C-alpha atoms as a PDB file:
ATOM      1  CA  MET A   1      19.126 -14.910   8.590  1.00  0.00           C
ATOM      2  CA  ALA A   2      21.421 -12.389   8.005  1.00  0.00           C
ATOM      3  CA  ILE A   3      20.651 -10.303   5.495  1.00  0.00           C
ATOM      4  CA  SER A   4      24.039  -9.012   3.329  1.00  0.00           C
ATOM      5  CA  ARG A   5      24.986  -5.422   2.716  1.00  0.00           C
ATOM      6  CA  ASP A   6      24.280  -6.145  -1.718  1.00  0.00           C
ATOM      7  CA  ASP A   7      21.073  -6.726  -0.729  1.00  0.00           C
ATOM      8  CA  VAL A   8      20.573  -3.694   1.485  1.00  0.00           C
ATOM      9  CA  LYS A   9      22.022  -1.919  -2.102  1.00  0.00           C
ATOM     10  CA  TYR A  10      19.682  -4.087  -4.409  1.00  0.00           C
ATOM     11  CA  CYS A  11      16.223  -2.888  -2.339  1.00  0.00           C
ATOM     12  CA  ALA A  12      17.269   0.251  -2.198  1.00  0.00           C
ATOM     13  CA  LYS A  13      17.982   0.602  -5.700  1.00  0.00           C
ATOM     14  CA  LEU A  14      14.388  -0.697  -6.161  1.00  0.00           C
ATOM     15  CA  ILE A  15      13.075   1.983  -4.231  1.00  0.00           C
ATOM     16  CA  ARG A  16      15.293   4.453  -5.528  1.00  0.00           C
ATOM     17  CA  VAL A  17      16.573   5.523  -2.100  1.00  0.00           C
ATOM     18  CA  GLU A  18      20.835   6.512  -2.589  1.00  0.00           C
ATOM     19  CA  LEU A  19      22.027   5.789   0.714  1.00  0.00           C
ATOM     20  CA  THR A  20      25.755   6.204   3.096  1.00  0.00           C
ATOM     21  CA  ASP A  21      27.839   3.945   3.489  1.00  0.00           C
ATOM     22  CA  GLU A  22      26.857   4.150   7.218  1.00  0.00           C
ATOM     23  CA  GLU A  23      23.222   3.970   6.597  1.00  0.00           C
ATOM     24  CA  GLU A  24      23.464   0.551   4.681  1.00  0.00           C
ATOM     25  CA  LYS A  25      26.081  -0.592   7.655  1.00  0.00           C
ATOM     26  CA  LYS A  26      23.083   0.889   9.685  1.00  0.00           C
ATOM     27  CA  PHE A  27      19.960  -0.987   7.785  1.00  0.00           C
ATOM     28  CA  THR A  28      22.537  -4.980   7.054  1.00  0.00           C
ATOM     29  CA  GLU A  29      21.822  -5.024  10.660  1.00  0.00           C
ATOM     30  CA  GLN A  30      18.821  -3.695  11.532  1.00  0.00           C
ATOM     31  CA  LEU A  31      17.434  -5.902   8.926  1.00  0.00           C
ATOM     32  CA  SER A  32      19.335  -9.036   9.556  1.00  0.00           C
ATOM     33  CA  SER A  33      17.999  -8.183  13.089  1.00  0.00           C
ATOM     34  CA  ILE A  34      14.141  -8.028  12.248  1.00  0.00           C
ATOM     35  CA  LEU A  35      14.633 -11.619   9.879  1.00  0.00           C
ATOM     36  CA  GLY A  36      16.826 -13.432  13.044  1.00  0.00           C
ATOM     37  CA  TYR A  37      13.328 -11.982  15.171  1.00  0.00           C
ATOM     38  CA  CYS A  38      11.303 -13.762  12.317  1.00  0.00           C
ATOM     39  CA  LYS A  39      12.622 -16.695  11.867  1.00  0.00           C
ATOM     40  CA  LYS A  40      12.002 -17.879  15.977  1.00  0.00           C
ATOM     41  CA  LEU A  41       8.744 -17.613  14.805  1.00  0.00           C
ATOM     42  CA  ASP A  42       8.897 -20.730  12.669  1.00  0.00           C
ATOM     43  CA  GLU A  43      10.394 -22.600  16.244  1.00  0.00           C
ATOM     44  CA  LEU A  44       6.664 -22.230  17.566  1.00  0.00           C
ATOM     45  CA  ASP A  45       4.579 -25.426  17.405  1.00  0.00           C
ATOM     46  CA  LEU A  46       0.929 -23.812  15.646  1.00  0.00           C
ATOM     47  CA  GLU A  47      -0.269 -27.779  15.436  1.00  0.00           C
ATOM     48  CA  GLY A  48      -4.486 -27.319  15.898  1.00  0.00           C
ATOM     49  CA  VAL A  49      -3.938 -23.357  15.439  1.00  0.00           C
ATOM     50  CA  GLU A  50      -6.973 -21.718  13.082  1.00  0.00           C
ATOM     51  CA  PRO A  51      -5.161 -18.758  11.271  1.00  0.00           C
ATOM     52  CA  ILE A  52      -7.127 -15.624  12.227  1.00  0.00           C
ATOM     53  CA  TYR A  53      -8.069 -13.163   8.947  1.00  0.00           C
ATOM     54  CA  GLN A  54      -9.791 -10.582  11.144  1.00  0.00           C
ATOM     55  CA  VAL A  55      -9.393 -10.061  14.962  1.00  0.00           C
ATOM     56  CA  THR A  56     -11.418  -7.008  15.095  1.00  0.00           C
ATOM     57  CA  GLY A  57     -14.845  -8.285  14.298  1.00  0.00           C
ATOM     58  CA  GLN A  58     -15.658  -5.506  12.187  1.00  0.00           C
ATOM     59  CA  GLU A  59     -16.987  -6.413   8.734  1.00  0.00           C
ATOM     60  CA  ASN A  60     -17.565  -4.913   5.490  1.00  0.00           C
ATOM     61  CA  ILE A  61     -20.909  -4.077   5.104  1.00  0.00           C
ATOM     62  CA  PHE A  62     -21.749  -3.099   1.419  1.00  0.00           C
ATOM     63  CA  ARG A  63     -24.973  -0.894   0.351  1.00  0.00           C
ATOM     64  CA  GLU A  64     -26.539  -1.416  -3.396  1.00  0.00           C
ATOM     65  CA  ASP A  65     -25.310   1.247  -5.429  1.00  0.00           C
ATOM     66  CA  GLU A  66     -28.767   3.134  -6.252  1.00  0.00           C
ATOM     67  CA  ILE A  67     -28.913   6.893  -8.002  1.00  0.00           C
ATOM     68  CA  THR A  68     -30.157   8.677  -5.257  1.00  0.00           C
ATOM     69  CA  ASN A  69     -30.358  12.300  -7.379  1.00  0.00           C
ATOM     70  CA  THR A  70     -29.793  12.929 -10.283  1.00  0.00           C
ATOM     71  CA  SER A  71     -30.003  16.320 -10.518  1.00  0.00           C
ATOM     72  CA  ARG A  72     -26.422  16.565  -8.689  1.00  0.00           C
ATOM     73  CA  ALA A  73     -25.044  16.077 -12.785  1.00  0.00           C
ATOM     74  CA  SER A  74     -25.946  18.831 -14.040  1.00  0.00           C
ATOM     75  CA  ASP A  75     -25.118  21.013 -10.929  1.00  0.00           C
ATOM     76  CA  MET A  76     -21.469  19.851 -11.593  1.00  0.00           C
ATOM     77  CA  LEU A  77     -21.685  20.228 -15.648  1.00  0.00           C
ATOM     78  CA  ARG A  78     -23.009  24.030 -14.715  1.00  0.00           C
ATOM     79  CA  ASN A  79     -20.115  24.858 -12.682  1.00  0.00           C
ATOM     80  CA  ALA A  80     -17.453  23.342 -15.087  1.00  0.00           C
ATOM     81  CA  PRO A  81     -14.917  25.259 -16.510  1.00  0.00           C
ATOM     82  CA  GLU A  82     -15.549  24.068 -19.982  1.00  0.00           C
ATOM     83  CA  ARG A  83     -17.677  21.634 -21.684  1.00  0.00           C
ATOM     84  CA  GLU A  84     -18.636  19.853 -24.463  1.00  0.00           C
ATOM     85  CA  GLY A  85     -21.871  18.363 -24.281  1.00  0.00           C
ATOM     86  CA  ASP A  86     -22.540  16.214 -21.000  1.00  0.00           C
ATOM     87  CA  PHE A  87     -18.924  15.831 -20.343  1.00  0.00           C
ATOM     88  CA  ILE A  88     -16.079  18.018 -19.128  1.00  0.00           C
ATOM     89  CA  LYS A  89     -13.768  19.280 -21.217  1.00  0.00           C
ATOM     90  CA  ILE A  90     -10.159  18.870 -19.748  1.00  0.00           C
ATOM     91  CA  LYS A  91      -6.837  19.442 -20.941  1.00  0.00           C
ATOM     92  CA  ASN A  92      -4.789  16.593 -22.858  1.00  0.00           C
ATOM     93  CA  VAL A  93      -2.869  14.655 -20.081  1.00  0.00           C
ATOM     94  CA  PHE A  94      -0.762  13.175 -22.554  1.00  0.00           C
END
């Protein structure tokens, strides 16, 4: 599958990157080569092959959210430069 120079220009515009003419040509060739390789993968016979989602065997280990040390909130408030009641006061962000 070939990618056009206009496609490269469009992608560069989307990611807000300015490319020189030389870079456009280089990336057009490289992306066309990559897509051509990916197209070869379509030729493989994958009948009966199960999809692999995780190859390392690792699993997420979740723990219950528990409050273990309530004094940390008061320590944090004590160290805040400014506070209003039980809240840290910050500059407006808008």
